[in-house]
PDB file of N, CA and C in Angstrom:
ATOM      1  N   MET A   1       0.944  -1.305  -0.064  1.00  0.00           N
ATOM      2  CA  MET A   1       0.106   0.059   0.022  1.00  0.00           C
ATOM      3  C   MET A   1       0.912   1.231  -0.088  1.00  0.00           C
ATOM      4  N   PRO A   2       0.756   2.050  -1.087  1.00  0.00           N
ATOM      5  CA  PRO A   2       1.842   3.177  -1.229  1.00  0.00           C
ATOM      6  C   PRO A   2       1.397   4.486  -0.521  1.00  0.00           C
ATOM      7  N   TYR A   3       2.295   5.258  -0.517  1.00  0.00           N
ATOM      8  CA  TYR A   3       1.952   6.618  -0.036  1.00  0.00           C
ATOM      9  C   TYR A   3       2.008   7.506  -1.313  1.00  0.00           C
ATOM     10  N   ALA A   4       1.085   8.520  -1.309  1.00  0.00           N
ATOM     11  CA  ALA A   4       1.007   9.331  -2.191  1.00  0.00           C
ATOM     12  C   ALA A   4       1.157  10.880  -1.712  1.00  0.00           C
ATOM     13  N   THR A   5       2.112  11.810  -2.150  1.00  0.00           N
ATOM     14  CA  THR A   5       2.259  12.979  -1.604  1.00  0.00           C
ATOM     15  C   THR A   5       1.853  13.978  -2.708  1.00  0.00           C
ATOM     16  N   HIS A   6       0.986  14.913  -2.207  1.00  0.00           N
ATOM     17  CA  HIS A   6       0.527  16.060  -3.319  1.00  0.00           C
ATOM     18  C   HIS A   6       1.026  17.217  -2.432  1.00  0.00           C
ATOM     19  N   GLU A   7       0.531  18.167  -3.438  1.00  0.00           N
ATOM     20  CA  GLU A   7       0.821  19.571  -2.793  1.00  0.00           C
ATOM     21  C   GLU A   7       0.353  19.942  -1.162  1.00  0.00           C
ATOM     22  N   ASN A   8      -0.946  19.534  -1.209  1.00  0.00           N
ATOM     23  CA  ASN A   8      -1.461  19.904   0.093  1.00  0.00           C
ATOM     24  C   ASN A   8      -2.277  18.611   0.796  1.00  0.00           C
ATOM     25  N   ASP A   9      -1.689  17.466   0.684  1.00  0.00           N
ATOM     26  CA  ASP A   9      -2.011  16.362   1.273  1.00  0.00           C
ATOM     27  C   ASP A   9      -1.171  15.182   1.132  1.00  0.00           C
ATOM     28  N   VAL A  10      -1.230  14.192   2.229  1.00  0.00           N
ATOM     29  CA  VAL A  10      -0.328  12.876   1.895  1.00  0.00           C
ATOM     30  C   VAL A  10      -1.349  11.866   2.314  1.00  0.00           C
ATOM     31  N   GLN A  11      -1.323  10.910   1.296  1.00  0.00           N
ATOM     32  CA  GLN A  11      -2.346   9.957   1.506  1.00  0.00           C
ATOM     33  C   GLN A  11      -1.671   8.509   1.690  1.00  0.00           C
ATOM     34  N   TYR A  12      -2.204   7.645   2.302  1.00  0.00           N
ATOM     35  CA  TYR A  12      -1.747   6.369   2.329  1.00  0.00           C
ATOM     36  C   TYR A  12      -2.978   5.245   1.601  1.00  0.00           C
ATOM     37  N   LEU A  13      -2.442   4.647   0.365  1.00  0.00           N
ATOM     38  CA  LEU A  13      -3.595   4.111  -0.427  1.00  0.00           C
ATOM     39  C   LEU A  13      -3.590   2.524  -0.140  1.00  0.00           C
ATOM     40  N   ALA A  14      -4.792   1.892  -0.283  1.00  0.00           N
ATOM     41  CA  ALA A  14      -5.013   0.472  -0.625  1.00  0.00           C
ATOM     42  C   ALA A  14      -4.507   0.295  -1.669  1.00  0.00           C
ATOM     43  N   ASP A  15      -4.148  -0.999  -2.316  1.00  0.00           N
ATOM     44  CA  ASP A  15      -3.925  -1.480  -3.684  1.00  0.00           C
ATOM     45  C   ASP A  15      -5.025  -0.805  -4.599  1.00  0.00           C
ATOM     46  N   ASP A  16      -6.166  -0.935  -4.221  1.00  0.00           N
ATOM     47  CA  ASP A  16      -7.180  -0.547  -5.386  1.00  0.00           C
ATOM     48  C   ASP A  16      -7.281   1.152  -5.299  1.00  0.00           C
ATOM     49  N   GLY A  17      -6.558   1.965  -4.738  1.00  0.00           N
ATOM     50  CA  GLY A  17      -6.599   3.437  -4.676  1.00  0.00           C
ATOM     51  C   GLY A  17      -7.353   3.951  -3.709  1.00  0.00           C
ATOM     52  N   THR A  18      -8.019   3.083  -2.974  1.00  0.00           N
ATOM     53  CA  THR A  18      -9.003   3.544  -1.822  1.00  0.00           C
ATOM     54  C   THR A  18      -7.815   4.191  -0.802  1.00  0.00           C
ATOM     55  N   VAL A  19      -8.472   5.441  -0.165  1.00  0.00           N
ATOM     56  CA  VAL A  19      -7.570   6.131   0.692  1.00  0.00           C
ATOM     57  C   VAL A  19      -7.899   5.592   2.173  1.00  0.00           C
ATOM     58  N   LEU A  20      -7.002   5.157   2.660  1.00  0.00           N
ATOM     59  CA  LEU A  20      -6.920   4.483   4.189  1.00  0.00           C
ATOM     60  C   LEU A  20      -6.343   5.529   5.135  1.00  0.00           C
ATOM     61  N   GLY A  21      -5.637   6.519   4.850  1.00  0.00           N
ATOM     62  CA  GLY A  21      -5.175   7.388   5.635  1.00  0.00           C
ATOM     63  C   GLY A  21      -4.637   8.706   5.068  1.00  0.00           C
ATOM     64  N   GLU A  22      -4.866   9.676   5.593  1.00  0.00           N
ATOM     65  CA  GLU A  22      -4.700  11.092   5.118  1.00  0.00           C
ATOM     66  C   GLU A  22      -4.345  12.196   6.040  1.00  0.00           C
ATOM     67  N   VAL A  23      -3.384  13.044   5.709  1.00  0.00           N
ATOM     68  CA  VAL A  23      -3.410  14.123   6.296  1.00  0.00           C
ATOM     69  C   VAL A  23      -3.371  15.603   5.307  1.00  0.00           C
ATOM     70  N   THR A  24      -3.936  16.259   5.499  1.00  0.00           N
ATOM     71  CA  THR A  24      -4.496  17.500   4.999  1.00  0.00           C
ATOM     72  C   THR A  24      -3.816  18.589   5.478  1.00  0.00           C
ATOM     73  N   PHE A  25      -3.411  19.587   4.602  1.00  0.00           N
ATOM     74  CA  PHE A  25      -2.706  20.612   4.922  1.00  0.00           C
ATOM     75  C   PHE A  25      -2.882  21.904   3.628  1.00  0.00           C
ATOM     76  N   PRO A  26      -4.041  22.393   3.834  1.00  0.00           N
ATOM     77  CA  PRO A  26      -4.493  23.423   2.823  1.00  0.00           C
ATOM     78  C   PRO A  26      -3.788  24.593   2.993  1.00  0.00           C
ATOM     79  N   SER A  27      -3.401  25.401   2.019  1.00  0.00           N
ATOM     80  CA  SER A  27      -2.919  26.732   2.162  1.00  0.00           C
ATOM     81  C   SER A  27      -3.633  27.759   3.045  1.00  0.00           C
ATOM     82  N   CYS A  28      -2.881  28.616   3.695  1.00  0.00           N
ATOM     83  CA  CYS A  28      -3.379  29.892   4.454  1.00  0.00           C
ATOM     84  C   CYS A  28      -3.022  31.259   3.742  1.00  0.00           C
ATOM     85  N   GLY A  29      -2.181  31.081   2.660  1.00  0.00           N
ATOM     86  CA  GLY A  29      -1.420  32.297   2.181  1.00  0.00           C
ATOM     87  C   GLY A  29      -0.033  32.396   2.681  1.00  0.00           C
ATOM     88  N   ASP A  30       0.636  33.090   1.791  1.00  0.00           N
ATOM     89  CA  ASP A  30       1.929  33.648   2.397  1.00  0.00           C
ATOM     90  C   ASP A  30       2.816  32.497   2.912  1.00  0.00           C
ATOM     91  N   GLY A  31       2.743  31.178   2.293  1.00  0.00           N
ATOM     92  CA  GLY A  31       3.773  30.005   2.360  1.00  0.00           C
ATOM     93  C   GLY A  31       3.410  29.624   3.497  1.00  0.00           C
ATOM     94  N   ILE A  32       1.965  29.546   4.081  1.00  0.00           N
ATOM     95  CA  ILE A  32       1.671  28.871   5.336  1.00  0.00           C
ATOM     96  C   ILE A  32       0.816  27.953   5.025  1.00  0.00           C
ATOM     97  N   VAL A  33       0.659  26.713   5.596  1.00  0.00           N
ATOM     98  CA  VAL A  33      -0.360  25.901   5.359  1.00  0.00           C
ATOM     99  C   VAL A  33      -0.856  25.479   6.945  1.00  0.00           C
ATOM    100  N   ASP A  34      -2.222  25.077   6.934  1.00  0.00           N
ATOM    101  CA  ASP A  34      -2.884  24.615   8.116  1.00  0.00           C
ATOM    102  C   ASP A  34      -2.943  22.908   7.912  1.00  0.00           C
ATOM    103  N   ILE A  35      -2.235  22.407   9.029  1.00  0.00           N
ATOM    104  CA  ILE A  35      -2.413  21.028   8.821  1.00  0.00           C
ATOM    105  C   ILE A  35      -3.688  20.662   9.730  1.00  0.00           C
ATOM    106  N   ASN A  36      -4.873  20.573   9.076  1.00  0.00           N
ATOM    107  CA  ASN A  36      -6.085  20.785   9.779  1.00  0.00           C
ATOM    108  C   ASN A  36      -6.911  19.207   9.936  1.00  0.00           C
ATOM    109  N   HIS A  37      -6.165  17.963   9.491  1.00  0.00           N
ATOM    110  CA  HIS A  37      -6.844  16.808   9.643  1.00  0.00           C
ATOM    111  C   HIS A  37      -5.982  15.811   9.475  1.00  0.00           C
ATOM    112  N   THR A  38      -5.779  14.524  10.289  1.00  0.00           N
ATOM    113  CA  THR A  38      -5.193  13.427  10.105  1.00  0.00           C
ATOM    114  C   THR A  38      -6.199  12.277  10.141  1.00  0.00           C
ATOM    115  N   PHE A  39      -6.080  11.378   9.453  1.00  0.00           N
ATOM    116  CA  PHE A  39      -7.251  10.166   9.330  1.00  0.00           C
ATOM    117  C   PHE A  39      -6.359   8.932   8.991  1.00  0.00           C
ATOM    118  N   VAL A  40      -6.776   7.920   9.857  1.00  0.00           N
ATOM    119  CA  VAL A  40      -6.175   6.551   9.517  1.00  0.00           C
ATOM    120  C   VAL A  40      -7.435   5.675   9.763  1.00  0.00           C
ATOM    121  N   ASP A  41      -7.627   4.915   8.817  1.00  0.00           N
ATOM    122  CA  ASP A  41      -8.923   3.888   9.025  1.00  0.00           C
ATOM    123  C   ASP A  41      -8.377   2.960  10.283  1.00  0.00           C
ATOM    124  N   GLY A  42      -9.567   2.729  10.886  1.00  0.00           N
ATOM    125  CA  GLY A  42      -9.562   2.014  12.366  1.00  0.00           C
ATOM    126  C   GLY A  42      -8.810   0.656  12.252  1.00  0.00           C
ATOM    127  N   SER A  43      -8.930  -0.198  10.912  1.00  0.00           N
ATOM    128  CA  SER A  43      -8.050  -1.298  10.698  1.00  0.00           C
ATOM    129  C   SER A  43      -6.544  -1.006  10.571  1.00  0.00           C
ATOM    130  N   LEU A  44      -6.038   0.219  10.528  1.00  0.00           N
ATOM    131  CA  LEU A  44      -4.822   0.056  10.504  1.00  0.00           C
ATOM    132  C   LEU A  44      -4.080   1.126  11.853  1.00  0.00           C
ATOM    133  N   ARG A  45      -4.991   1.354  12.498  1.00  0.00           N
ATOM    134  CA  ARG A  45      -4.470   2.228  13.756  1.00  0.00           C
ATOM    135  C   ARG A  45      -3.359   1.380  14.630  1.00  0.00           C
ATOM    136  N   GLY A  46      -2.626   2.252  15.135  1.00  0.00           N
ATOM    137  CA  GLY A  46      -1.607   1.568  16.275  1.00  0.00           C
ATOM    138  C   GLY A  46      -0.330   0.955  15.269  1.00  0.00           C
ATOM    139  N   GLN A  47      -0.277   1.166  13.842  1.00  0.00           N
ATOM    140  CA  GLN A  47       0.793   0.629  13.073  1.00  0.00           C
ATOM    141  C   GLN A  47       1.678   1.776  12.637  1.00  0.00           C
ATOM    142  N   GLY A  48       1.705   3.201  13.251  1.00  0.00           N
ATOM    143  CA  GLY A  48       2.457   4.158  12.936  1.00  0.00           C
ATOM    144  C   GLY A  48       2.086   4.957  11.580  1.00  0.00           C
ATOM    145  N   ILE A  49       1.004   4.787  11.035  1.00  0.00           N
ATOM    146  CA  ILE A  49       0.520   5.074   9.857  1.00  0.00           C
ATOM    147  C   ILE A  49       0.779   6.704   9.941  1.00  0.00           C
ATOM    148  N   ALA A  50      -0.110   7.045  11.037  1.00  0.00           N
ATOM    149  CA  ALA A  50      -0.328   8.513  11.114  1.00  0.00           C
ATOM    150  C   ALA A  50       1.112   9.343  11.204  1.00  0.00           C
ATOM    151  N   GLY A  51       1.915   8.749  11.875  1.00  0.00           N
ATOM    152  CA  GLY A  51       3.203   9.180  12.314  1.00  0.00           C
ATOM    153  C   GLY A  51       3.938   9.603  11.111  1.00  0.00           C
ATOM    154  N   GLU A  52       3.855   8.394   9.885  1.00  0.00           N
ATOM    155  CA  GLU A  52       4.463   8.286   8.855  1.00  0.00           C
ATOM    156  C   GLU A  52       3.855   9.408   7.839  1.00  0.00           C
ATOM    157  N   LEU A  53       2.642   9.543   8.018  1.00  0.00           N
ATOM    158  CA  LEU A  53       1.794  10.693   7.079  1.00  0.00           C
ATOM    159  C   LEU A  53       2.608  12.099   7.335  1.00  0.00           C
ATOM    160  N   LEU A  54       2.694  12.197   8.577  1.00  0.00           N
ATOM    161  CA  LEU A  54       2.894  13.449   9.213  1.00  0.00           C
ATOM    162  C   LEU A  54       4.425  13.904   8.830  1.00  0.00           C
ATOM    163  N   SER A  55       5.326  12.787   8.827  1.00  0.00           N
ATOM    164  CA  SER A  55       6.715  12.844   8.409  1.00  0.00           C
ATOM    165  C   SER A  55       6.778  13.072   6.869  1.00  0.00           C
ATOM    166  N   ARG A  56       6.056  12.586   6.320  1.00  0.00           N
ATOM    167  CA  ARG A  56       6.100  12.903   4.760  1.00  0.00           C
ATOM    168  C   ARG A  56       5.675  14.286   4.370  1.00  0.00           C
ATOM    169  N   ALA A  57       4.362  14.601   5.363  1.00  0.00           N
ATOM    170  CA  ALA A  57       4.049  16.177   5.055  1.00  0.00           C
ATOM    171  C   ALA A  57       5.144  16.929   5.526  1.00  0.00           C
ATOM    172  N   ALA A  58       5.785  16.709   6.449  1.00  0.00           N
ATOM    173  CA  ALA A  58       6.902  17.849   7.043  1.00  0.00           C
ATOM    174  C   ALA A  58       7.852  17.645   5.853  1.00  0.00           C
ATOM    175  N   ALA A  59       8.277  16.739   5.218  1.00  0.00           N
ATOM    176  CA  ALA A  59       9.180  16.327   4.182  1.00  0.00           C
ATOM    177  C   ALA A  59       8.754  17.444   2.964  1.00  0.00           C
ATOM    178  N   GLU A  60       7.288  17.277   2.709  1.00  0.00           N
ATOM    179  CA  GLU A  60       6.982  17.994   1.505  1.00  0.00           C
ATOM    180  C   GLU A  60       6.970  19.437   1.937  1.00  0.00           C
ATOM    181  N   LEU A  61       6.540  19.955   3.214  1.00  0.00           N
ATOM    182  CA  LEU A  61       6.578  21.243   3.655  1.00  0.00           C
ATOM    183  C   LEU A  61       8.074  22.002   3.435  1.00  0.00           C
ATOM    184  N   GLU A  62       8.993  21.066   3.815  1.00  0.00           N
ATOM    185  CA  GLU A  62      10.434  21.461   3.791  1.00  0.00           C
ATOM    186  C   GLU A  62      11.004  21.839   2.311  1.00  0.00           C
ATOM    187  N   ARG A  63      10.436  20.753   1.531  1.00  0.00           N
ATOM    188  CA  ARG A  63      10.904  20.659   0.200  1.00  0.00           C
ATOM    189  C   ARG A  63      10.377  21.901  -0.823  1.00  0.00           C
ATOM    190  N   SER A  64       9.157  22.396  -0.257  1.00  0.00           N
ATOM    191  CA  SER A  64       8.561  23.420  -1.033  1.00  0.00           C
ATOM    192  C   SER A  64       8.700  24.586  -0.374  1.00  0.00           C
ATOM    193  N   GLY A  65       9.569  24.862   0.631  1.00  0.00           N
ATOM    194  CA  GLY A  65       9.769  26.139   1.483  1.00  0.00           C
ATOM    195  C   GLY A  65       8.584  26.530   2.260  1.00  0.00           C
ATOM    196  N   ARG A  66       7.679  25.873   2.720  1.00  0.00           N
ATOM    197  CA  ARG A  66       6.777  26.155   3.302  1.00  0.00           C
ATOM    198  C   ARG A  66       6.585  26.116   4.814  1.00  0.00           C
ATOM    199  N   ARG A  67       5.589  26.844   5.770  1.00  0.00           N
ATOM    200  CA  ARG A  67       5.493  26.545   7.071  1.00  0.00           C
ATOM    201  C   ARG A  67       4.060  25.933   7.435  1.00  0.00           C
ATOM    202  N   ALA A  68       4.214  25.566   8.693  1.00  0.00           N
ATOM    203  CA  ALA A  68       2.866  24.984   9.037  1.00  0.00           C
ATOM    204  C   ALA A  68       2.247  25.673  10.306  1.00  0.00           C
ATOM    205  N   HIS A  69       1.004  25.580  10.542  1.00  0.00           N
ATOM    206  CA  HIS A  69       0.138  25.912  11.573  1.00  0.00           C
ATOM    207  C   HIS A  69      -0.766  24.809  11.869  1.00  0.00           C
ATOM    208  N   PRO A  70      -0.239  24.125  12.445  1.00  0.00           N
ATOM    209  CA  PRO A  70      -1.044  22.707  13.042  1.00  0.00           C
ATOM    210  C   PRO A  70      -2.323  23.055  13.628  1.00  0.00           C
ATOM    211  N   SER A  71      -3.462  22.749  13.243  1.00  0.00           N
ATOM    212  CA  SER A  71      -4.802  23.143  14.004  1.00  0.00           C
ATOM    213  C   SER A  71      -5.525  21.363  14.442  1.00  0.00           C
ATOM    214  N   CYS A  72      -4.840  20.258  13.877  1.00  0.00           N
ATOM    215  CA  CYS A  72      -5.242  19.061  13.908  1.00  0.00           C
ATOM    216  C   CYS A  72      -4.576  18.684  15.433  1.00  0.00           C
ATOM    217  N   SER A  73      -5.379  17.991  16.352  1.00  0.00           N
ATOM    218  CA  SER A  73      -4.650  17.893  17.575  1.00  0.00           C
ATOM    219  C   SER A  73      -3.752  16.735  17.483  1.00  0.00           C
ATOM    220  N   TYR A  74      -3.835  15.863  16.601  1.00  0.00           N
ATOM    221  CA  TYR A  74      -2.439  14.720  16.302  1.00  0.00           C
ATOM    222  C   TYR A  74      -1.259  15.571  15.820  1.00  0.00           C
ATOM    223  N   ALA A  75      -1.559  16.373  14.689  1.00  0.00           N
ATOM    224  CA  ALA A  75      -0.488  17.014  14.149  1.00  0.00           C
ATOM    225  C   ALA A  75       0.233  17.997  15.332  1.00  0.00           C
ATOM    226  N   VAL A  76      -0.647  18.777  16.193  1.00  0.00           N
ATOM    227  CA  VAL A  76      -0.076  19.465  17.268  1.00  0.00           C
ATOM    228  C   VAL A  76       1.059  18.703  18.111  1.00  0.00           C
ATOM    229  N   ARG A  77       0.381  17.462  18.785  1.00  0.00           N
ATOM    230  CA  ARG A  77       1.109  16.601  19.363  1.00  0.00           C
ATOM    231  C   ARG A  77       2.349  15.977  18.569  1.00  0.00           C
ATOM    232  N   TRP A  78       2.176  15.699  17.411  1.00  0.00           N
ATOM    233  CA  TRP A  78       3.201  15.283  16.585  1.00  0.00           C
ATOM    234  C   TRP A  78       4.701  16.213  16.791  1.00  0.00           C
ATOM    235  N   PHE A  79       4.278  17.493  16.456  1.00  0.00           N
ATOM    236  CA  PHE A  79       5.360  18.559  16.392  1.00  0.00           C
ATOM    237  C   PHE A  79       5.931  18.852  17.719  1.00  0.00           C
ATOM    238  N   GLU A  80       5.207  18.576  18.692  1.00  0.00           N
ATOM    239  CA  GLU A  80       5.445  18.566  20.240  1.00  0.00           C
ATOM    240  C   GLU A  80       6.624  17.566  20.418  1.00  0.00           C
ATOM    241  N   LYS A  81       6.438  16.449  19.861  1.00  0.00           N
ATOM    242  CA  LYS A  81       7.373  15.388  20.170  1.00  0.00           C
ATOM    243  C   LYS A  81       8.312  15.229  18.940  1.00  0.00           C
ATOM    244  N   HIS A  82       8.339  15.964  17.971  1.00  0.00           N
ATOM    245  CA  HIS A  82       9.355  15.846  16.928  1.00  0.00           C
ATOM    246  C   HIS A  82      10.021  17.237  16.741  1.00  0.00           C
ATOM    247  N   ALA A  83      11.164  17.595  18.084  1.00  0.00           N
ATOM    248  CA  ALA A  83      11.464  18.882  17.869  1.00  0.00           C
ATOM    249  C   ALA A  83      12.340  19.410  16.507  1.00  0.00           C
ATOM    250  N   GLU A  84      12.745  18.256  15.996  1.00  0.00           N
ATOM    251  CA  GLU A  84      13.594  18.378  14.793  1.00  0.00           C
ATOM    252  C   GLU A  84      12.874  19.146  13.742  1.00  0.00           C
ATOM    253  N   TYR A  85      11.555  19.187  13.594  1.00  0.00           N
ATOM    254  CA  TYR A  85      10.517  19.827  12.776  1.00  0.00           C
ATOM    255  C   TYR A  85      10.029  21.248  13.290  1.00  0.00           C
ATOM    256  N   ALA A  86      10.603  21.707  14.364  1.00  0.00           N
ATOM    257  CA  ALA A  86      10.171  22.855  14.979  1.00  0.00           C
ATOM    258  C   ALA A  86      10.262  24.054  13.878  1.00  0.00           C
ATOM    259  N   HIS A  87      11.566  24.017  12.958  1.00  0.00           N
ATOM    260  CA  HIS A  87      11.598  25.269  12.164  1.00  0.00           C
ATOM    261  C   HIS A  87      10.580  25.341  11.170  1.00  0.00           C
ATOM    262  N   LEU A  88       9.766  24.061  11.076  1.00  0.00           N
ATOM    263  CA  LEU A  88       8.795  24.186  10.069  1.00  0.00           C
ATOM    264  C   LEU A  88       7.436  24.898  10.465  1.00  0.00           C
ATOM    265  N   LEU A  89       7.461  25.375  11.795  1.00  0.00           N
ATOM    266  CA  LEU A  89       6.150  25.888  12.663  1.00  0.00           C
ATOM    267  C   LEU A  89       5.995  27.174  12.120  1.00  0.00           C
ATOM    268  N   ALA A  90       4.682  27.785  11.688  1.00  0.00           N
ATOM    269  CA  ALA A  90       4.751  29.114  11.434  1.00  0.00           C
ATOM    270  C   ALA A  90       4.479  29.898  13.369  1.00  0.00           C
ATOM    271  N   GLU A  91       5.039  30.920  13.187  1.00  0.00           N
ATOM    272  CA  GLU A  91       4.895  32.057  14.479  1.00  0.00           C
ATOM    273  C   GLU A  91       3.507  32.409  14.612  1.00  0.00           C
TER     274      GLU A  91
END
């Protein structure tokens, strides 16, 4: 089941293309995105999928030179636990 990274989301896909996990980060303008939603299908919870989605989202933001304002509670906690990505947080 592959991951797919797009400009404003990262998805975890089943072999048939069904979205089984996703983190969304729409633009707020001025190079800032709002990480506003993290979802993982119940059948996959506890397997590190959400963390991998956030890691890939952070890599996409770094690659594109954008910063994040996380409003999703999972994303807020993820950034608190991963200080190495603090430079990606918008003030």
